[in-house]
PDB file of N, CA and C in Angstrom:
ATOM      1  N   UNK A   1     -45.593  86.218  12.167  1.00  0.00           N
ATOM      2  CA  UNK A   1     -44.633  85.966  13.237  1.00  0.00           C
ATOM      3  C   UNK A   1     -45.229  86.361  14.586  1.00  0.00           C
ATOM      4  N   UNK A   2     -45.985  87.415  14.604  1.00  0.00           N
ATOM      5  CA  UNK A   2     -46.564  87.906  15.856  1.00  0.00           C
ATOM      6  C   UNK A   2     -47.591  86.920  16.414  1.00  0.00           C
ATOM      7  N   UNK A   3     -48.364  86.293  15.532  1.00  0.00           N
ATOM      8  CA  UNK A   3     -49.396  85.352  15.987  1.00  0.00           C
ATOM      9  C   UNK A   3     -48.773  84.143  16.678  1.00  0.00           C
ATOM     10  N   UNK A   4     -47.650  83.654  16.161  1.00  0.00           N
ATOM     11  CA  UNK A   4     -47.006  82.498  16.793  1.00  0.00           C
ATOM     12  C   UNK A   4     -46.482  82.853  18.178  1.00  0.00           C
ATOM     13  N   UNK A   5     -46.013  84.058  18.357  1.00  0.00           N
ATOM     14  CA  UNK A   5     -45.554  84.495  19.674  1.00  0.00           C
ATOM     15  C   UNK A   5     -46.728  84.604  20.643  1.00  0.00           C
ATOM     16  N   UNK A   6     -47.863  85.062  20.143  1.00  0.00           N
ATOM     17  CA  UNK A   6     -49.056  85.144  20.985  1.00  0.00           C
ATOM     18  C   UNK A   6     -49.512  83.757  21.419  1.00  0.00           C
ATOM     19  N   UNK A   7     -49.519  82.802  20.490  1.00  0.00           N
ATOM     20  CA  UNK A   7     -49.907  81.437  20.837  1.00  0.00           C
ATOM     21  C   UNK A   7     -48.942  80.830  21.852  1.00  0.00           C
ATOM     22  N   UNK A   8     -47.679  81.085  21.698  1.00  0.00           N
ATOM     23  CA  UNK A   8     -46.680  80.585  22.640  1.00  0.00           C
ATOM     24  C   UNK A   8     -46.907  81.165  24.031  1.00  0.00           C
ATOM     25  N   UNK A   9     -47.168  82.453  24.091  1.00  0.00           N
ATOM     26  CA  UNK A   9     -47.408  83.121  25.370  1.00  0.00           C
ATOM     27  C   UNK A   9     -48.680  82.590  26.034  1.00  0.00           C
ATOM     28  N   UNK A  10     -49.747  82.411  25.265  1.00  0.00           N
ATOM     29  CA  UNK A  10     -50.998  81.887  25.812  1.00  0.00           C
ATOM     30  C   UNK A  10     -50.806  80.448  26.284  1.00  0.00           C
ATOM     31  N   UNK A  11     -50.106  79.636  25.513  1.00  0.00           N
ATOM     32  CA  UNK A  11     -49.860  78.252  25.895  1.00  0.00           C
ATOM     33  C   UNK A  11     -49.050  78.146  27.170  1.00  0.00           C
ATOM     34  N   UNK A  12     -48.022  78.954  27.301  1.00  0.00           N
ATOM     35  CA  UNK A  12     -47.201  78.939  28.512  1.00  0.00           C
ATOM     36  C   UNK A  12     -48.008  79.403  29.717  1.00  0.00           C
ATOM     37  N   UNK A  13     -48.854  80.401  29.533  1.00  0.00           N
ATOM     38  CA  UNK A  13     -49.687  80.904  30.630  1.00  0.00           C
ATOM     39  C   UNK A  13     -50.695  79.858  31.078  1.00  0.00           C
ATOM     40  N   UNK A  14     -51.355  79.190  30.141  1.00  0.00           N
ATOM     41  CA  UNK A  14     -52.333  78.154  30.477  1.00  0.00           C
ATOM     42  C   UNK A  14     -51.647  76.991  31.197  1.00  0.00           C
ATOM     43  N   UNK A  15     -50.473  76.608  30.750  1.00  0.00           N
ATOM     44  CA  UNK A  15     -49.726  75.534  31.402  1.00  0.00           C
ATOM     45  C   UNK A  15     -49.356  75.926  32.828  1.00  0.00           C
ATOM     46  N   UNK A  16     -48.881  77.130  33.019  1.00  0.00           N
ATOM     47  CA  UNK A  16     -48.502  77.605  34.344  1.00  0.00           C
ATOM     48  C   UNK A  16     -49.708  77.643  35.282  1.00  0.00           C
ATOM     49  N   UNK A  17     -50.829  78.170  34.806  1.00  0.00           N
ATOM     50  CA  UNK A  17     -52.047  78.233  35.618  1.00  0.00           C
ATOM     51  C   UNK A  17     -52.522  76.815  35.965  1.00  0.00           C
ATOM     52  N   UNK A  18     -52.415  75.884  35.031  1.00  0.00           N
ATOM     53  CA  UNK A  18     -52.794  74.503  35.290  1.00  0.00           C
ATOM     54  C   UNK A  18     -51.954  73.875  36.387  1.00  0.00           C
ATOM     55  N   UNK A  19     -50.659  74.112  36.377  1.00  0.00           N
ATOM     56  CA  UNK A  19     -49.786  73.597  37.436  1.00  0.00           C
ATOM     57  C   UNK A  19     -50.137  74.210  38.790  1.00  0.00           C
ATOM     58  N   UNK A  20     -50.447  75.480  38.814  1.00  0.00           N
ATOM     59  CA  UNK A  20     -50.817  76.142  40.069  1.00  0.00           C
ATOM     60  C   UNK A  20     -52.114  75.553  40.617  1.00  0.00           C
ATOM     61  N   UNK A  21     -53.115  75.341  39.752  1.00  0.00           N
ATOM     62  CA  UNK A  21     -54.380  74.750  40.186  1.00  0.00           C
ATOM     63  C   UNK A  21     -54.160  73.335  40.702  1.00  0.00           C
ATOM     64  N   UNK A  22     -53.340  72.564  40.017  1.00  0.00           N
ATOM     65  CA  UNK A  22     -53.031  71.207  40.459  1.00  0.00           C
ATOM     66  C   UNK A  22     -52.350  71.216  41.827  1.00  0.00           C
ATOM     67  N   UNK A  23     -51.392  72.071  42.012  1.00  0.00           N
ATOM     68  CA  UNK A  23     -50.684  72.176  43.287  1.00  0.00           C
ATOM     69  C   UNK A  23     -51.632  72.583  44.412  1.00  0.00           C
ATOM     70  N   UNK A  24     -52.507  73.546  44.147  1.00  0.00           N
ATOM     71  CA  UNK A  24     -53.473  73.966  45.155  1.00  0.00           C
ATOM     72  C   UNK A  24     -54.436  72.832  45.514  1.00  0.00           C
ATOM     73  N   UNK A  25     -54.852  72.059  44.528  1.00  0.00           N
ATOM     74  CA  UNK A  25     -55.740  70.928  44.786  1.00  0.00           C
ATOM     75  C   UNK A  25     -55.082  69.887  45.681  1.00  0.00           C
ATOM     76  N   UNK A  26     -53.824  69.608  45.432  1.00  0.00           N
ATOM     77  CA  UNK A  26     -53.095  68.639  46.262  1.00  0.00           C
ATOM     78  C   UNK A  26     -52.962  69.149  47.688  1.00  0.00           C
ATOM     79  N   UNK A  27     -52.581  70.395  47.854  1.00  0.00           N
ATOM     80  CA  UNK A  27     -52.400  70.964  49.189  1.00  0.00           C
ATOM     81  C   UNK A  27     -53.728  71.000  49.940  1.00  0.00           C
ATOM     82  N   UNK A  28     -54.809  71.419  49.289  1.00  0.00           N
ATOM     83  CA  UNK A  28     -56.110  71.465  49.961  1.00  0.00           C
ATOM     84  C   UNK A  28     -56.604  70.076  50.342  1.00  0.00           C
ATOM     85  N   UNK A  29     -56.350  69.074  49.506  1.00  0.00           N
ATOM     86  CA  UNK A  29     -56.743  67.703  49.844  1.00  0.00           C
ATOM     87  C   UNK A  29     -56.000  67.215  51.073  1.00  0.00           C
ATOM     88  N   UNK A  30     -54.723  67.486  51.146  1.00  0.00           N
ATOM     89  CA  UNK A  30     -53.930  67.066  52.302  1.00  0.00           C
ATOM     90  C   UNK A  30     -54.391  67.791  53.564  1.00  0.00           C
ATOM     91  N   UNK A  31     -54.710  69.073  53.454  1.00  0.00           N
ATOM     92  CA  UNK A  31     -55.139  69.827  54.628  1.00  0.00           C
ATOM     93  C   UNK A  31     -56.518  69.397  55.121  1.00  0.00           C
ATOM     94  N   UNK A  32     -57.412  69.018  54.218  1.00  0.00           N
ATOM     95  CA  UNK A  32     -58.766  68.629  54.619  1.00  0.00           C
ATOM     96  C   UNK A  32     -58.823  67.214  55.174  1.00  0.00           C
ATOM     97  N   UNK A  33     -58.048  66.296  54.629  1.00  0.00           N
ATOM     98  CA  UNK A  33     -58.073  64.894  55.043  1.00  0.00           C
ATOM     99  C   UNK A  33     -56.638  64.392  55.237  1.00  0.00           C
ATOM    100  N   UNK A  34     -55.954  64.837  56.269  1.00  0.00           N
ATOM    101  CA  UNK A  34     -54.533  64.470  56.396  1.00  0.00           C
ATOM    102  C   UNK A  34     -54.278  62.991  56.632  1.00  0.00           C
ATOM    103  N   UNK A  35     -55.158  62.283  57.347  1.00  0.00           N
ATOM    104  CA  UNK A  35     -54.898  60.882  57.670  1.00  0.00           C
ATOM    105  C   UNK A  35     -55.269  59.943  56.529  1.00  0.00           C
ATOM    106  N   UNK A  36     -56.272  60.322  55.734  1.00  0.00           N
ATOM    107  CA  UNK A  36     -56.756  59.405  54.707  1.00  0.00           C
ATOM    108  C   UNK A  36     -56.304  59.785  53.304  1.00  0.00           C
ATOM    109  N   UNK A  37     -55.392  60.698  53.165  1.00  0.00           N
ATOM    110  CA  UNK A  37     -54.952  61.128  51.836  1.00  0.00           C
ATOM    111  C   UNK A  37     -54.062  60.076  51.198  1.00  0.00           C
ATOM    112  N   UNK A  38     -54.419  59.682  49.993  1.00  0.00           N
ATOM    113  CA  UNK A  38     -53.586  58.782  49.202  1.00  0.00           C
ATOM    114  C   UNK A  38     -53.297  59.481  47.887  1.00  0.00           C
ATOM    115  N   UNK A  39     -52.056  59.418  47.474  1.00  0.00           N
ATOM    116  CA  UNK A  39     -51.672  60.097  46.248  1.00  0.00           C
ATOM    117  C   UNK A  39     -50.869  59.168  45.370  1.00  0.00           C
ATOM    118  N   UNK A  40     -50.926  59.446  44.108  1.00  0.00           N
ATOM    119  CA  UNK A  40     -50.153  58.696  43.146  1.00  0.00           C
ATOM    120  C   UNK A  40     -49.836  59.578  41.963  1.00  0.00           C
ATOM    121  N   UNK A  41     -48.934  59.110  41.151  1.00  0.00           N
ATOM    122  CA  UNK A  41     -48.554  59.887  39.988  1.00  0.00           C
ATOM    123  C   UNK A  41     -48.112  59.000  38.856  1.00  0.00           C
ATOM    124  N   UNK A  42     -48.061  59.605  37.700  1.00  0.00           N
ATOM    125  CA  UNK A  42     -47.673  58.899  36.491  1.00  0.00           C
ATOM    126  C   UNK A  42     -46.763  59.809  35.686  1.00  0.00           C
ATOM    127  N   UNK A  43     -45.595  59.298  35.356  1.00  0.00           N
ATOM    128  CA  UNK A  43     -44.658  60.033  34.521  1.00  0.00           C
ATOM    129  C   UNK A  43     -44.533  59.254  33.223  1.00  0.00           C
ATOM    130  N   UNK A  44     -44.766  59.925  32.119  1.00  0.00           N
ATOM    131  CA  UNK A  44     -44.658  59.283  30.809  1.00  0.00           C
ATOM    132  C   UNK A  44     -43.387  59.788  30.133  1.00  0.00           C
ATOM    133  N   UNK A  45     -42.505  58.866  29.803  1.00  0.00           N
ATOM    134  CA  UNK A  45     -41.314  59.184  29.020  1.00  0.00           C
ATOM    135  C   UNK A  45     -41.506  58.480  27.689  1.00  0.00           C
ATOM    136  N   UNK A  46     -42.027  59.236  26.728  1.00  0.00           N
ATOM    137  CA  UNK A  46     -42.429  58.627  25.464  1.00  0.00           C
ATOM    138  C   UNK A  46     -43.584  57.692  25.743  1.00  0.00           C
ATOM    139  N   UNK A  47     -43.517  56.458  25.270  1.00  0.00           N
ATOM    140  CA  UNK A  47     -44.607  55.518  25.557  1.00  0.00           C
ATOM    141  C   UNK A  47     -44.378  54.685  26.822  1.00  0.00           C
ATOM    142  N   UNK A  48     -43.353  55.005  27.596  1.00  0.00           N
ATOM    143  CA  UNK A  48     -43.009  54.200  28.769  1.00  0.00           C
ATOM    144  C   UNK A  48     -43.567  54.866  30.027  1.00  0.00           C
ATOM    145  N   UNK A  49     -44.484  54.174  30.750  1.00  0.00           N
ATOM    146  CA  UNK A  49     -45.039  54.764  31.977  1.00  0.00           C
ATOM    147  C   UNK A  49     -44.191  54.436  33.201  1.00  0.00           C
ATOM    148  N   UNK A  50     -44.063  55.409  34.089  1.00  0.00           N
ATOM    149  CA  UNK A  50     -43.440  55.217  35.388  1.00  0.00           C
ATOM    150  C   UNK A  50     -44.486  55.623  36.415  1.00  0.00           C
ATOM    151  N   UNK A  51     -44.943  54.662  37.227  1.00  0.00           N
ATOM    152  CA  UNK A  51     -46.024  54.909  38.177  1.00  0.00           C
ATOM    153  C   UNK A  51     -45.493  54.874  39.604  1.00  0.00           C
ATOM    154  N   UNK A  52     -46.085  55.710  40.460  1.00  0.00           N
ATOM    155  CA  UNK A  52     -45.753  55.683  41.878  1.00  0.00           C
ATOM    156  C   UNK A  52     -46.993  56.073  42.666  1.00  0.00           C
ATOM    157  N   UNK A  53     -47.025  55.677  43.934  1.00  0.00           N
ATOM    158  CA  UNK A  53     -48.170  55.995  44.765  1.00  0.00           C
ATOM    159  C   UNK A  53     -47.887  55.740  46.224  1.00  0.00           C
ATOM    160  N   UNK A  54     -48.814  56.201  47.056  1.00  0.00           N
ATOM    161  CA  UNK A  54     -48.645  56.057  48.498  1.00  0.00           C
ATOM    162  C   UNK A  54     -49.162  54.714  49.009  1.00  0.00           C
ATOM    163  N   UNK A  55     -49.851  53.960  48.170  1.00  0.00           N
ATOM    164  CA  UNK A  55     -50.315  52.621  48.544  1.00  0.00           C
ATOM    165  C   UNK A  55     -50.242  51.724  47.315  1.00  0.00           C
ATOM    166  N   UNK A  56     -50.196  50.416  47.514  1.00  0.00           N
ATOM    167  CA  UNK A  56     -50.138  49.511  46.358  1.00  0.00           C
ATOM    168  C   UNK A  56     -51.350  49.650  45.428  1.00  0.00           C
ATOM    169  N   UNK A  57     -52.523  49.934  45.995  1.00  0.00           N
ATOM    170  CA  UNK A  57     -53.721  50.086  45.164  1.00  0.00           C
ATOM    171  C   UNK A  57     -53.608  51.303  44.242  1.00  0.00           C
ATOM    172  N   UNK A  58     -53.143  52.412  44.776  1.00  0.00           N
ATOM    173  CA  UNK A  58     -52.983  53.622  43.972  1.00  0.00           C
ATOM    174  C   UNK A  58     -51.915  53.396  42.906  1.00  0.00           C
ATOM    175  N   UNK A  59     -50.820  52.760  43.265  1.00  0.00           N
ATOM    176  CA  UNK A  59     -49.748  52.488  42.306  1.00  0.00           C
ATOM    177  C   UNK A  59     -50.246  51.595  41.172  1.00  0.00           C
ATOM    178  N   UNK A  60     -51.040  50.580  41.500  1.00  0.00           N
ATOM    179  CA  UNK A  60     -51.603  49.700  40.473  1.00  0.00           C
ATOM    180  C   UNK A  60     -52.542  50.472  39.550  1.00  0.00           C
ATOM    181  N   UNK A  61     -53.362  51.348  40.127  1.00  0.00           N
ATOM    182  CA  UNK A  61     -54.262  52.162  39.305  1.00  0.00           C
ATOM    183  C   UNK A  61     -53.485  53.081  38.367  1.00  0.00           C
ATOM    184  N   UNK A  62     -52.430  53.683  38.872  1.00  0.00           N
ATOM    185  CA  UNK A  62     -51.609  54.568  38.040  1.00  0.00           C
ATOM    186  C   UNK A  62     -50.923  53.791  36.910  1.00  0.00           C
ATOM    187  N   UNK A  63     -50.463  52.582  37.230  1.00  0.00           N
ATOM    188  CA  UNK A  63     -49.824  51.759  36.213  1.00  0.00           C
ATOM    189  C   UNK A  63     -50.831  51.352  35.136  1.00  0.00           C
ATOM    190  N   UNK A  64     -52.047  51.012  35.552  1.00  0.00           N
ATOM    191  CA  UNK A  64     -53.096  50.696  34.577  1.00  0.00           C
ATOM    192  C   UNK A  64     -53.401  51.879  33.682  1.00  0.00           C
ATOM    193  N   UNK A  65     -53.494  53.074  34.265  1.00  0.00           N
ATOM    194  CA  UNK A  65     -53.714  54.283  33.479  1.00  0.00           C
ATOM    195  C   UNK A  65     -52.551  54.513  32.515  1.00  0.00           C
ATOM    196  N   UNK A  66     -51.334  54.280  32.996  1.00  0.00           N
ATOM    197  CA  UNK A  66     -50.158  54.444  32.137  1.00  0.00           C
ATOM    198  C   UNK A  66     -50.162  53.478  30.969  1.00  0.00           C
ATOM    199  N   UNK A  67     -50.577  52.241  31.201  1.00  0.00           N
ATOM    200  CA  UNK A  67     -50.647  51.274  30.111  1.00  0.00           C
ATOM    201  C   UNK A  67     -51.706  51.665  29.082  1.00  0.00           C
ATOM    202  N   UNK A  68     -52.836  52.172  29.549  1.00  0.00           N
ATOM    203  CA  UNK A  68     -53.882  52.626  28.623  1.00  0.00           C
ATOM    204  C   UNK A  68     -53.374  53.790  27.783  1.00  0.00           C
ATOM    205  N   UNK A  69     -52.707  54.742  28.411  1.00  0.00           N
ATOM    206  CA  UNK A  69     -52.161  55.887  27.677  1.00  0.00           C
ATOM    207  C   UNK A  69     -51.091  55.429  26.688  1.00  0.00           C
ATOM    208  N   UNK A  70     -50.248  54.477  27.090  1.00  0.00           N
ATOM    209  CA  UNK A  70     -49.209  53.956  26.196  1.00  0.00           C
ATOM    210  C   UNK A  70     -49.811  53.270  24.974  1.00  0.00           C
ATOM    211  N   UNK A  71     -50.823  52.454  25.194  1.00  0.00           N
ATOM    212  CA  UNK A  71     -51.471  51.759  24.073  1.00  0.00           C
ATOM    213  C   UNK A  71     -52.120  52.773  23.138  1.00  0.00           C
ATOM    214  N   UNK A  72     -52.791  53.776  23.701  1.00  0.00           N
ATOM    215  CA  UNK A  72     -53.412  54.811  22.882  1.00  0.00           C
ATOM    216  C   UNK A  72     -52.358  55.581  22.092  1.00  0.00           C
ATOM    217  N   UNK A  73     -51.248  55.915  22.750  1.00  0.00           N
ATOM    218  CA  UNK A  73     -50.158  56.626  22.090  1.00  0.00           C
ATOM    219  C   UNK A  73     -49.603  55.811  20.916  1.00  0.00           C
ATOM    220  N   UNK A  74     -49.323  54.536  21.167  1.00  0.00           N
ATOM    221  CA  UNK A  74     -48.768  53.688  20.110  1.00  0.00           C
ATOM    222  C   UNK A  74     -49.762  53.486  18.974  1.00  0.00           C
ATOM    223  N   UNK A  75     -51.039  53.336  19.297  1.00  0.00           N
ATOM    224  CA  UNK A  75     -52.078  53.190  18.268  1.00  0.00           C
ATOM    225  C   UNK A  75     -52.161  54.450  17.407  1.00  0.00           C
ATOM    226  N   UNK A  76     -52.197  55.626  18.034  1.00  0.00           N
ATOM    227  CA  UNK A  76     -52.286  56.860  17.262  1.00  0.00           C
ATOM    228  C   UNK A  76     -51.026  57.120  16.462  1.00  0.00           C
ATOM    229  N   UNK A  77     -49.860  56.748  17.011  1.00  0.00           N
ATOM    230  CA  UNK A  77     -48.599  56.933  16.297  1.00  0.00           C
ATOM    231  C   UNK A  77     -48.558  56.038  15.070  1.00  0.00           C
ATOM    232  N   UNK A  78     -49.062  54.809  15.218  1.00  0.00           N
ATOM    233  CA  UNK A  78     -49.054  53.859  14.112  1.00  0.00           C
ATOM    234  C   UNK A  78     -50.017  54.290  13.004  1.00  0.00           C
ATOM    235  N   UNK A  79     -51.189  54.824  13.375  1.00  0.00           N
ATOM    236  CA  UNK A  79     -52.163  55.230  12.354  1.00  0.00           C
ATOM    237  C   UNK A  79     -51.748  56.525  11.661  1.00  0.00           C
ATOM    238  N   UNK A  80     -50.895  57.307  12.281  1.00  0.00           N
ATOM    239  CA  UNK A  80     -50.425  58.548  11.667  1.00  0.00           C
ATOM    240  C   UNK A  80     -49.505  58.276  10.481  1.00  0.00           C
ATOM    241  N   UNK A  81     -48.761  57.202  10.551  1.00  0.00           N
ATOM    242  CA  UNK A  81     -47.803  56.874   9.497  1.00  0.00           C
ATOM    243  C   UNK A  81     -48.443  56.277   8.335  1.00  0.00           C
TER     244      UNK A  81
END
């Protein structure tokens, strides 16, 4: 029982540190290049991608990445069964 609690604590800590590093990277990018910064994001709800971005090119790239992740997800889910 103790080992599972340790794994949970380590996993939560790594996730939190990852979010902090990501946030710092975004802020530093905006501060270094304020006029040329383009950002985009991808939200996955199951196999359904939701893409957004600051320009049509970034949004298209995010959507392409989302489709690749969705296909990979569906392929791995199908082979698991």
